[in-house]
Amino acid sequence: MITKKIVIIITAVLIAITLLPVLAAAWGPLYANIAATDNADDGFIFNQPKDTGFYEITADQLRDRIEDKSDDNFIIIDIRDNASYDEGHIPGAVNIPLNELGYRVFGLDKTADIIVYCFTGITSKVACRILVNAGFKDVYDMTGGIKAWDYALETSDGRINI
């Protein structure tokens, strides 16, 4: 007779085996990004491996794009938790926490450029990978996250923090 513990262990192993390829696809490129550096004197950067399928955008480039009123074919996604978003986010950004992105991705416009940011620019790379795997073609990771944003932030109650 198989005990309850053995059934639990077998189930856990089968789940792990099933999820391993998914996790490797999502996290593998992230580790490649973290390990990348350049020879410039500006220190550590995140280079974009050729196989990620997404691009990088700086905070300055994003601000310029927001200010360009002729360009409105983009969506800015803040993947931080709801409380962090409420405290202050890039004006116009929508909040889709990383743990909700997998099932909310289908509500996004695939013809728009998707610009993703987090707090420091690390977990946004995972979000970009999820979007690319879901078939989005023009996905951008804002390097440095919201910590690199030196401009006004909007709170959820409509205030602007400078």
Protein backbone atom coordinates (compact mmCIF):
# COMPACT_ATOMS: atom_id res chain seq x y z
CA MET A 1 0.00 0.00 0.00
CA ILE A 2 1.41 3.37 -1.03
CA THR A 3 1.57 5.82 1.81
CA LYS A 4 0.35 9.39 1.61
CA LYS A 5 3.94 10.73 1.85
CA ILE A 6 5.09 8.73 -1.17
CA VAL A 7 2.14 9.98 -3.24
CA ILE A 8 2.98 13.58 -2.29
CA ILE A 9 6.67 13.10 -3.18
CA ILE A 10 5.84 11.51 -6.54
CA THR A 11 3.38 14.29 -7.33
CA ALA A 12 5.95 16.96 -6.44
CA VAL A 13 8.58 15.32 -8.66
CA LEU A 14 6.16 15.08 -11.60
CA ILE A 15 5.20 18.74 -11.22
CA ALA A 16 8.88 19.76 -11.06
CA ILE A 17 9.69 17.77 -14.19
CA THR A 18 6.74 19.38 -16.01
CA LEU A 19 7.66 22.94 -15.00
CA LEU A 20 11.43 22.70 -15.52
CA PRO A 21 11.39 23.57 -19.26
CA VAL A 22 9.07 26.52 -18.63
CA LEU A 23 11.28 27.89 -15.86
CA ALA A 24 14.43 27.39 -17.90
CA ALA A 25 12.93 29.31 -20.83
CA ALA A 26 11.87 32.21 -18.62
CA TRP A 27 14.87 32.48 -16.30
CA GLY A 28 17.74 31.33 -18.53
CA PRO A 29 18.00 34.60 -20.50
CA LEU A 30 17.75 36.55 -17.26
CA TYR A 31 20.87 34.89 -15.89
CA ALA A 32 22.67 35.60 -19.16
CA ASN A 33 21.73 39.28 -18.79
CA ILE A 34 22.93 39.49 -15.21
CA ALA A 35 26.30 38.00 -16.07
CA ALA A 36 26.92 40.41 -18.94
CA THR A 37 29.19 43.44 -18.54
CA ASP A 38 30.96 45.74 -20.91
CA ASN A 39 34.41 47.28 -21.02
CA ALA A 40 33.24 50.86 -20.49
CA ASP A 41 34.15 52.80 -17.39
CA ASP A 42 30.50 53.28 -16.45
CA GLY A 43 30.46 49.95 -14.61
CA PHE A 44 27.94 47.15 -14.63
CA ILE A 45 25.29 47.10 -17.36
CA PHE A 46 22.79 44.65 -18.68
CA ASN A 47 23.65 43.72 -22.24
CA GLN A 48 20.92 42.35 -24.39
CA PRO A 49 21.72 38.84 -25.58
CA LYS A 50 20.79 38.39 -29.22
CA ASP A 51 18.20 35.73 -28.45
CA THR A 52 16.03 37.53 -25.87
CA GLY A 53 13.54 38.88 -28.38
CA PHE A 54 13.13 42.17 -26.50
CA TYR A 55 14.84 45.54 -26.58
CA GLU A 56 16.11 47.96 -23.97
CA ILE A 57 14.97 51.54 -23.46
CA THR A 58 16.40 54.09 -21.04
CA ALA A 59 14.35 56.33 -18.75
CA ASP A 60 15.36 59.35 -20.86
CA GLN A 61 14.23 57.63 -24.07
CA LEU A 62 10.93 56.68 -22.46
CA ARG A 63 10.34 60.23 -21.23
CA ASP A 64 11.01 61.53 -24.75
CA ARG A 65 8.56 59.01 -26.15
CA ILE A 66 5.88 60.01 -23.63
CA GLU A 67 6.37 63.69 -24.49
CA ASP A 68 6.13 63.00 -28.25
CA LYS A 69 2.38 63.45 -28.69
CA SER A 70 2.51 62.05 -32.24
CA ASP A 71 3.56 58.65 -30.86
CA ASP A 72 0.84 56.92 -28.85
CA ASN A 73 1.23 53.31 -29.96
CA PHE A 74 2.78 52.03 -26.75
CA ILE A 75 1.73 50.65 -23.39
CA ILE A 76 3.82 51.16 -20.24
CA ILE A 77 3.50 48.33 -17.73
CA ASP A 78 4.60 48.62 -14.10
CA ILE A 79 5.09 45.05 -12.86
CA ARG A 80 5.63 46.00 -9.22
CA ASP A 81 3.04 45.14 -6.58
CA ASN A 82 -0.10 47.24 -6.19
CA ALA A 83 1.14 49.13 -3.11
CA SER A 84 4.37 50.22 -4.83
CA TYR A 85 2.41 51.32 -7.90
CA ASP A 86 -0.02 53.30 -5.72
CA GLU A 87 2.87 55.14 -4.03
CA GLY A 88 4.23 56.39 -7.35
CA HIS A 89 4.49 55.26 -10.95
CA ILE A 90 5.45 56.63 -14.34
CA PRO A 91 2.53 58.73 -15.63
CA GLY A 92 0.36 56.69 -17.96
CA ALA A 93 1.65 53.32 -16.75
CA VAL A 94 -0.75 50.49 -16.02
CA ASN A 95 -0.15 48.16 -13.11
CA ILE A 96 0.11 44.48 -13.94
CA PRO A 97 2.08 42.79 -11.14
CA LEU A 98 4.46 40.12 -12.39
CA ASN A 99 2.45 37.35 -10.71
CA GLU A 100 -0.64 38.40 -12.75
CA LEU A 101 1.07 38.98 -16.10
CA GLY A 102 0.69 35.40 -17.31
CA TYR A 103 -3.09 35.52 -17.37
CA ARG A 104 -3.54 39.25 -18.11
CA VAL A 105 -1.21 39.23 -21.11
CA PHE A 106 -4.04 38.26 -23.45
CA GLY A 107 -5.81 41.56 -22.78
CA LEU A 108 -2.91 43.58 -24.20
CA ASP A 109 -2.71 44.97 -27.72
CA LYS A 110 -0.14 42.95 -29.69
CA THR A 111 0.24 45.75 -32.24
CA ALA A 112 1.43 48.26 -29.61
CA ASP A 113 4.96 48.53 -28.28
CA ILE A 114 5.04 47.17 -24.74
CA ILE A 115 7.42 48.95 -22.33
CA VAL A 116 7.99 47.19 -19.01
CA TYR A 117 9.61 48.40 -15.82
CA CYS A 118 10.03 47.22 -12.24
CA PHE A 119 11.94 48.66 -9.28
CA THR A 120 15.56 48.11 -10.37
CA GLY A 121 15.32 46.57 -13.83
CA ILE A 122 15.87 42.92 -12.91
CA THR A 123 12.42 41.32 -12.75
CA SER A 124 11.21 43.35 -15.72
CA LYS A 125 13.45 41.13 -17.84
CA VAL A 126 11.39 38.12 -16.73
CA ALA A 127 8.20 40.00 -17.64
CA CYS A 128 9.65 40.84 -21.07
CA ARG A 129 10.48 37.18 -21.61
CA ILE A 130 6.90 36.20 -20.72
CA LEU A 131 5.58 38.74 -23.24
CA VAL A 132 7.93 37.55 -25.99
CA ASN A 133 6.93 33.93 -25.30
CA ALA A 134 3.28 35.02 -25.59
CA GLY A 135 3.94 36.31 -29.12
CA PHE A 136 4.55 40.03 -28.56
CA LYS A 137 7.08 41.40 -31.06
CA ASP A 138 7.93 44.92 -29.85
CA VAL A 139 8.75 44.52 -26.15
CA TYR A 140 11.05 46.97 -24.34
CA ASP A 141 12.69 46.67 -20.92
CA MET A 142 13.33 50.00 -19.19
CA THR A 143 16.86 49.66 -17.89
CA GLY A 144 17.40 50.53 -14.24
CA GLY A 145 13.71 50.33 -13.38
CA ILE A 146 11.85 53.13 -11.65
CA LYS A 147 15.03 53.91 -9.68
CA ALA A 148 16.43 55.29 -12.95
CA TRP A 149 13.37 57.52 -13.48
CA ASP A 150 14.43 61.07 -12.50
CA TYR A 151 11.14 62.66 -13.46
CA ALA A 152 7.72 63.23 -11.90
CA LEU A 153 5.80 60.24 -10.57
CA GLU A 154 2.05 59.94 -10.42
CA THR A 155 0.26 58.39 -7.42
CA SER A 156 -2.92 56.38 -7.73
CA ASP A 157 -4.93 59.20 -6.18
CA GLY A 158 -3.83 61.52 -9.01
CA ARG A 159 -1.13 63.51 -7.25
CA ILE A 160 2.14 64.25 -9.04
CA ASN A 161 5.35 63.82 -7.03
CA ILE A 162 8.37 65.68 -8.34
